[in-house]
């Protein structure tokens, strides 16, 4: 029970952090989506099978857009709540309240998933 309380407290602190953070320029704050890997025969492979950095995530926060030379901001295509696919080497990893999140430049986003 104490572990559940600790987890909900961490979740609460993380949600408070999200209310206060605003990414700069054309950056996004993305929570990686870790999907279970299945073989063709339906066997679920454990997390430890794939140690590569995730390339799919849910957008938690969006910056105001990149500043152009004329002083105007380029509007962002991606919005909070979108699920995106991004370049493997594009994100900067940060740990907040025990959660791994990524800062990703909009140019590193390959696609918005349906």
Protein backbone atom coordinates (compact mmCIF):
# COMPACT_ATOMS: atom_id res chain seq x y z
CA UNK A 1 0.00 0.00 0.00
CA UNK A 2 2.84 2.41 0.85
CA UNK A 3 4.34 1.81 -2.59
CA UNK A 4 1.03 2.80 -4.22
CA UNK A 5 0.90 5.99 -2.11
CA UNK A 6 4.48 6.84 -3.09
CA UNK A 7 3.67 6.24 -6.75
CA UNK A 8 0.57 8.47 -6.65
CA UNK A 9 2.56 11.18 -4.84
CA UNK A 10 5.22 11.03 -7.57
CA UNK A 11 2.48 11.17 -10.22
CA UNK A 12 0.98 14.21 -8.51
CA UNK A 13 4.36 15.98 -8.38
CA UNK A 14 4.94 15.14 -12.04
CA UNK A 15 1.53 16.61 -13.00
CA UNK A 16 2.37 19.79 -11.03
CA UNK A 17 5.66 19.98 -12.94
CA UNK A 18 3.76 19.72 -16.25
CA UNK A 19 1.58 22.70 -15.32
CA UNK A 20 4.68 24.86 -14.80
CA UNK A 21 6.85 23.90 -17.77
CA UNK A 22 6.78 25.57 -21.17
CA UNK A 23 9.26 24.29 -23.77
CA UNK A 24 11.26 26.92 -25.65
CA UNK A 25 10.78 27.78 -29.33
CA UNK A 26 9.95 24.71 -31.45
CA UNK A 27 10.52 22.10 -28.75
CA UNK A 28 8.04 19.54 -27.49
CA UNK A 29 7.96 17.66 -24.20
CA UNK A 30 7.24 14.02 -25.02
CA UNK A 31 6.50 11.05 -22.78
CA UNK A 32 7.80 7.91 -24.52
CA UNK A 33 5.33 5.14 -25.28
CA UNK A 34 6.83 1.73 -24.57
CA UNK A 35 5.00 -0.98 -26.44
CA UNK A 36 5.20 -4.69 -25.73
CA UNK A 37 6.97 -6.52 -28.49
CA UNK A 38 5.31 -9.66 -29.81
CA UNK A 39 6.72 -12.31 -32.05
CA UNK A 40 4.67 -13.50 -35.03
CA UNK A 41 3.52 -16.47 -32.94
CA UNK A 42 2.21 -14.14 -30.21
CA UNK A 43 4.94 -14.47 -27.58
CA UNK A 44 5.35 -11.20 -25.64
CA UNK A 45 9.00 -10.22 -25.29
CA UNK A 46 10.07 -8.45 -22.07
CA UNK A 47 11.26 -4.81 -21.85
CA UNK A 48 14.83 -5.98 -21.53
CA UNK A 49 14.68 -7.47 -25.03
CA UNK A 50 14.75 -4.06 -26.71
CA UNK A 51 17.15 -1.62 -25.05
CA UNK A 52 16.93 0.95 -27.83
CA UNK A 53 15.51 4.39 -27.13
CA UNK A 54 11.77 4.62 -27.92
CA UNK A 55 10.77 6.55 -31.02
CA UNK A 56 7.09 6.98 -30.25
CA UNK A 57 5.59 9.23 -27.62
CA UNK A 58 2.70 11.33 -26.36
CA UNK A 59 3.13 15.12 -26.47
CA UNK A 60 2.79 16.66 -22.98
CA UNK A 61 3.74 20.30 -23.73
CA UNK A 62 4.49 22.42 -26.80
CA UNK A 63 6.64 25.52 -27.20
CA UNK A 64 5.39 28.70 -28.91
CA UNK A 65 7.14 27.96 -32.22
CA UNK A 66 10.47 28.86 -33.77
CA UNK A 67 11.33 32.54 -34.10
CA UNK A 68 11.88 33.47 -37.74
CA UNK A 69 14.27 36.16 -39.00
CA UNK A 70 11.38 38.61 -39.53
CA UNK A 71 10.49 38.44 -35.81
CA UNK A 72 7.36 36.32 -36.31
CA UNK A 73 6.92 32.89 -34.77
CA UNK A 74 6.41 29.88 -37.00
CA UNK A 75 3.27 28.15 -35.70
CA UNK A 76 3.58 24.61 -34.36
CA UNK A 77 1.98 21.71 -36.22
CA UNK A 78 2.09 19.33 -33.25
CA UNK A 79 -0.23 19.89 -30.28
CA UNK A 80 -0.56 18.55 -26.73
CA UNK A 81 -2.07 15.06 -26.72
CA UNK A 82 -0.75 14.05 -30.16
CA UNK A 83 1.13 10.77 -30.47
CA UNK A 84 4.26 11.27 -32.55
CA UNK A 85 7.04 9.26 -34.13
CA UNK A 86 10.41 11.00 -33.81
CA UNK A 87 13.99 10.52 -34.89
CA UNK A 88 15.95 8.07 -32.73
CA UNK A 89 18.79 10.53 -32.07
CA UNK A 90 16.70 13.72 -31.95
CA UNK A 91 15.47 13.85 -28.33
CA UNK A 92 17.19 15.05 -25.17
CA UNK A 93 16.37 12.76 -22.24
CA UNK A 94 15.41 14.18 -18.82
CA UNK A 95 14.22 12.37 -15.67
CA UNK A 96 11.56 14.15 -13.61
CA UNK A 97 9.95 12.55 -10.55
CA UNK A 98 11.19 9.14 -11.67
CA UNK A 99 9.74 9.45 -15.19
CA UNK A 100 11.82 9.54 -18.33
CA UNK A 101 10.67 12.29 -20.70
CA UNK A 102 12.17 13.78 -23.84
CA UNK A 103 12.57 17.25 -25.26
CA UNK A 104 12.22 16.95 -29.04
CA UNK A 105 12.56 19.68 -31.67
CA UNK A 106 9.57 19.76 -34.01
CA UNK A 107 11.95 19.17 -36.95
CA UNK A 108 12.80 15.75 -35.40
CA UNK A 109 9.15 14.68 -35.53
CA UNK A 110 8.68 12.27 -38.41
CA UNK A 111 4.90 11.83 -38.18
CA UNK A 112 1.81 12.37 -36.09
CA UNK A 113 0.12 9.02 -35.46
CA UNK A 114 -3.57 8.97 -36.28
